[in-house]
């Protein structure tokens, strides 16, 4: 049954992202075709968002083609 409603789920997800993402609390999208790379990049992204005194932030550089803030244009390109 779920496969029959795939397009409906996709439309509902896109509506939710569009309506609820904002500058103060954006959705973070993870392109997870390669699960290993996706996990590593999520960790890197989290590390860049933490304020750790004495931390070496310059070492954590997520691939922004894998982990990125939601934007309608970028997400629609990804979904195509």
N, C-alpha and C. Protein backbone atom coordinates (compact mmCIF):
# COMPACT_ATOMS: atom_id res chain seq x y z
N UNK A 1 0.81 -1.20 0.00
CA UNK A 1 0.00 0.00 0.00
C UNK A 1 0.86 1.27 0.00
N UNK A 2 1.95 1.24 0.76
CA UNK A 2 2.79 2.43 0.88
C UNK A 2 3.31 2.89 -0.47
N UNK A 3 3.70 1.95 -1.32
CA UNK A 3 4.22 2.32 -2.63
C UNK A 3 3.16 3.02 -3.49
N UNK A 4 1.92 2.63 -3.29
CA UNK A 4 0.84 3.27 -4.05
C UNK A 4 0.69 4.75 -3.68
N UNK A 5 1.10 5.11 -2.46
CA UNK A 5 0.94 6.48 -1.97
C UNK A 5 2.26 7.24 -1.91
N UNK A 6 3.29 6.72 -2.58
CA UNK A 6 4.62 7.34 -2.53
C UNK A 6 4.57 8.82 -2.91
N UNK A 7 3.89 9.14 -3.98
CA UNK A 7 3.80 10.54 -4.42
C UNK A 7 3.06 11.40 -3.40
N UNK A 8 2.04 10.84 -2.77
CA UNK A 8 1.30 11.57 -1.74
C UNK A 8 2.20 11.88 -0.54
N UNK A 9 2.99 10.88 -0.12
CA UNK A 9 3.92 11.08 1.00
C UNK A 9 4.96 12.14 0.66
N UNK A 10 5.44 12.09 -0.58
CA UNK A 10 6.45 13.07 -1.01
C UNK A 10 5.87 14.48 -0.99
N UNK A 11 4.66 14.65 -1.49
CA UNK A 11 4.02 15.97 -1.47
C UNK A 11 3.81 16.47 -0.05
N UNK A 12 3.37 15.57 0.84
CA UNK A 12 3.14 15.95 2.24
C UNK A 12 4.45 16.33 2.92
N UNK A 13 5.51 15.58 2.66
CA UNK A 13 6.83 15.90 3.23
C UNK A 13 7.30 17.27 2.74
N UNK A 14 7.16 17.51 1.46
CA UNK A 14 7.60 18.79 0.89
C UNK A 14 6.82 19.96 1.48
N UNK A 15 5.50 19.78 1.67
CA UNK A 15 4.68 20.82 2.29
C UNK A 15 5.14 21.10 3.71
N UNK A 16 5.40 20.02 4.47
CA UNK A 16 5.85 20.16 5.85
C UNK A 16 7.17 20.92 5.91
N UNK A 17 8.13 20.56 5.06
CA UNK A 17 9.42 21.24 5.05
C UNK A 17 9.25 22.71 4.70
N UNK A 18 8.45 22.98 3.70
CA UNK A 18 8.25 24.36 3.24
C UNK A 18 7.60 25.21 4.32
N UNK A 19 6.61 24.67 5.00
CA UNK A 19 5.87 25.44 6.00
C UNK A 19 6.60 25.60 7.32
N UNK A 20 7.47 24.67 7.67
CA UNK A 20 8.04 24.70 9.02
C UNK A 20 9.51 25.07 9.08
N UNK A 21 10.20 25.15 7.98
CA UNK A 21 11.60 25.55 7.99
C UNK A 21 11.70 27.07 7.99
N UNK A 22 12.56 27.61 8.85
CA UNK A 22 12.75 29.05 8.89
C UNK A 22 14.19 29.36 9.29
N UNK A 23 14.57 30.62 9.25
CA UNK A 23 15.96 31.01 9.51
C UNK A 23 16.39 30.67 10.93
N UNK A 24 15.46 30.74 11.87
CA UNK A 24 15.81 30.46 13.27
C UNK A 24 15.97 28.96 13.54
N UNK A 25 15.18 28.15 12.88
CA UNK A 25 15.27 26.70 13.08
C UNK A 25 15.04 25.97 11.75
N UNK A 26 16.05 25.97 10.90
CA UNK A 26 15.90 25.34 9.57
C UNK A 26 15.96 23.81 9.67
N UNK A 27 15.29 23.18 8.74
CA UNK A 27 15.46 21.74 8.59
C UNK A 27 16.85 21.49 8.02
N UNK A 28 17.47 20.41 8.44
CA UNK A 28 18.75 19.99 7.89
C UNK A 28 18.48 18.74 7.05
N UNK A 29 18.85 18.80 5.79
CA UNK A 29 18.63 17.70 4.85
C UNK A 29 19.92 16.90 4.74
N UNK A 30 19.77 15.58 4.73
CA UNK A 30 20.92 14.69 4.59
C UNK A 30 20.67 13.79 3.38
N UNK A 31 21.51 13.94 2.39
CA UNK A 31 21.45 13.06 1.22
C UNK A 31 22.15 11.77 1.63
N UNK A 32 21.38 10.70 1.75
CA UNK A 32 21.91 9.47 2.36
C UNK A 32 22.00 8.30 1.39
N UNK A 33 22.35 8.58 0.14
CA UNK A 33 22.54 7.48 -0.81
C UNK A 33 23.67 6.56 -0.33
N UNK A 34 24.70 7.16 0.23
CA UNK A 34 25.82 6.41 0.81
C UNK A 34 25.72 6.59 2.33
N UNK A 35 25.23 5.57 3.03
CA UNK A 35 24.94 5.69 4.47
C UNK A 35 26.19 6.03 5.28
N UNK A 36 27.31 5.44 4.95
CA UNK A 36 28.55 5.70 5.68
C UNK A 36 28.95 7.17 5.56
N UNK A 37 28.96 7.70 4.35
CA UNK A 37 29.30 9.10 4.13
C UNK A 37 28.28 10.02 4.79
N UNK A 38 27.02 9.65 4.74
CA UNK A 38 25.97 10.47 5.35
C UNK A 38 26.20 10.57 6.86
N UNK A 39 26.47 9.45 7.52
CA UNK A 39 26.70 9.47 8.98
C UNK A 39 27.90 10.32 9.33
N UNK A 40 29.00 10.15 8.62
CA UNK A 40 30.20 10.94 8.91
C UNK A 40 29.93 12.43 8.73
N UNK A 41 29.19 12.78 7.72
CA UNK A 41 28.92 14.19 7.46
C UNK A 41 27.92 14.79 8.44
N UNK A 42 27.00 13.99 8.95
CA UNK A 42 26.10 14.47 10.00
C UNK A 42 26.91 14.79 11.26
N UNK A 43 27.84 13.91 11.60
CA UNK A 43 28.70 14.15 12.77
C UNK A 43 29.53 15.41 12.56
N UNK A 44 30.11 15.56 11.38
CA UNK A 44 30.90 16.76 11.08
C UNK A 44 30.04 18.02 11.19
N UNK A 45 28.81 17.95 10.66
CA UNK A 45 27.92 19.10 10.72
C UNK A 45 27.60 19.44 12.18
N UNK A 46 27.30 18.45 12.98
CA UNK A 46 27.01 18.70 14.40
C UNK A 46 28.20 19.34 15.10
N UNK A 47 29.39 18.87 14.80
CA UNK A 47 30.58 19.43 15.44
C UNK A 47 30.77 20.90 15.08
N UNK A 48 30.42 21.27 13.85
CA UNK A 48 30.57 22.68 13.46
C UNK A 48 29.55 23.56 14.16
N UNK A 49 28.45 22.99 14.64
CA UNK A 49 27.39 23.76 15.29
C UNK A 49 27.60 23.90 16.79
N UNK A 50 28.49 23.10 17.37
CA UNK A 50 28.74 23.15 18.81
C UNK A 50 29.75 24.24 19.15
N UNK A 51 29.51 24.89 20.28
CA UNK A 51 30.46 25.88 20.78
C UNK A 51 31.30 25.20 21.86
N UNK A 52 32.47 24.75 21.49
CA UNK A 52 33.34 24.04 22.41
C UNK A 52 34.60 24.87 22.64
N UNK A 53 34.73 25.48 23.81
CA UNK A 53 35.94 26.25 24.09
C UNK A 53 37.18 25.38 23.94
N UNK A 54 38.14 25.88 23.23
CA UNK A 54 39.37 25.12 23.01
C UNK A 54 39.26 24.06 21.93
N UNK A 55 38.05 23.94 21.35
CA UNK A 55 37.86 22.95 20.29
C UNK A 55 38.52 23.39 19.00
N UNK A 56 38.80 22.44 18.14
CA UNK A 56 39.45 22.75 16.87
C UNK A 56 38.44 22.59 15.75
N UNK A 57 37.57 23.59 15.59
CA UNK A 57 36.49 23.52 14.61
C UNK A 57 36.99 23.38 13.18
N UNK A 58 38.16 23.87 12.90
CA UNK A 58 38.65 23.84 11.53
C UNK A 58 38.84 22.43 11.01
N UNK A 59 38.80 21.43 11.89
CA UNK A 59 38.97 20.05 11.46
C UNK A 59 37.67 19.42 10.94
N UNK A 60 36.54 19.99 11.33
CA UNK A 60 35.25 19.42 10.93
C UNK A 60 34.68 20.20 9.76
N UNK A 61 34.69 19.59 8.59
CA UNK A 61 34.15 20.23 7.39
C UNK A 61 33.18 19.27 6.70
N UNK A 62 31.87 19.43 6.97
CA UNK A 62 30.92 18.54 6.30
C UNK A 62 30.84 18.84 4.81
N UNK A 63 30.55 17.84 4.05
CA UNK A 63 30.33 18.00 2.61
C UNK A 63 28.93 18.60 2.43
N UNK A 64 28.85 19.83 1.97
CA UNK A 64 27.57 20.52 1.85
C UNK A 64 26.73 20.02 0.68
N UNK A 65 27.24 19.06 -0.08
CA UNK A 65 26.41 18.37 -1.07
C UNK A 65 25.66 17.22 -0.42
N UNK A 66 26.07 16.85 0.81
CA UNK A 66 25.45 15.74 1.53
C UNK A 66 24.58 16.25 2.68
N UNK A 67 25.06 17.21 3.45
CA UNK A 67 24.34 17.77 4.60
C UNK A 67 24.18 19.27 4.37
N UNK A 68 22.92 19.74 4.32
CA UNK A 68 22.71 21.16 4.05
C UNK A 68 21.38 21.61 4.62
N UNK A 69 21.27 22.91 4.85
CA UNK A 69 20.01 23.47 5.32
C UNK A 69 19.00 23.43 4.19
N UNK A 70 17.77 23.13 4.56
CA UNK A 70 16.69 23.07 3.59
C UNK A 70 16.50 24.41 2.89
N UNK A 71 16.41 24.36 1.59
CA UNK A 71 15.92 25.47 0.79
C UNK A 71 15.09 24.85 -0.32
N UNK A 72 14.00 25.47 -0.66
CA UNK A 72 13.09 24.89 -1.64
C UNK A 72 13.81 24.58 -2.95
N UNK A 73 14.59 25.51 -3.45
CA UNK A 73 15.26 25.31 -4.74
C UNK A 73 16.24 24.15 -4.70
N UNK A 74 17.09 24.13 -3.69
CA UNK A 74 18.09 23.07 -3.60
C UNK A 74 17.43 21.71 -3.39
N UNK A 75 16.40 21.67 -2.55
CA UNK A 75 15.73 20.41 -2.28
C UNK A 75 15.01 19.89 -3.51
N UNK A 76 14.36 20.78 -4.25
CA UNK A 76 13.67 20.34 -5.48
C UNK A 76 14.64 19.79 -6.50
N UNK A 77 15.84 20.36 -6.60
CA UNK A 77 16.85 19.82 -7.51
C UNK A 77 17.27 18.43 -7.07
N UNK A 78 17.41 18.24 -5.78
CA UNK A 78 17.80 16.94 -5.23
C UNK A 78 16.73 15.90 -5.49
N UNK A 79 15.47 16.29 -5.36
CA UNK A 79 14.35 15.36 -5.52
C UNK A 79 14.12 14.93 -6.97
N UNK A 80 14.67 15.67 -7.91
CA UNK A 80 14.43 15.35 -9.33
C UNK A 80 15.24 14.18 -9.78
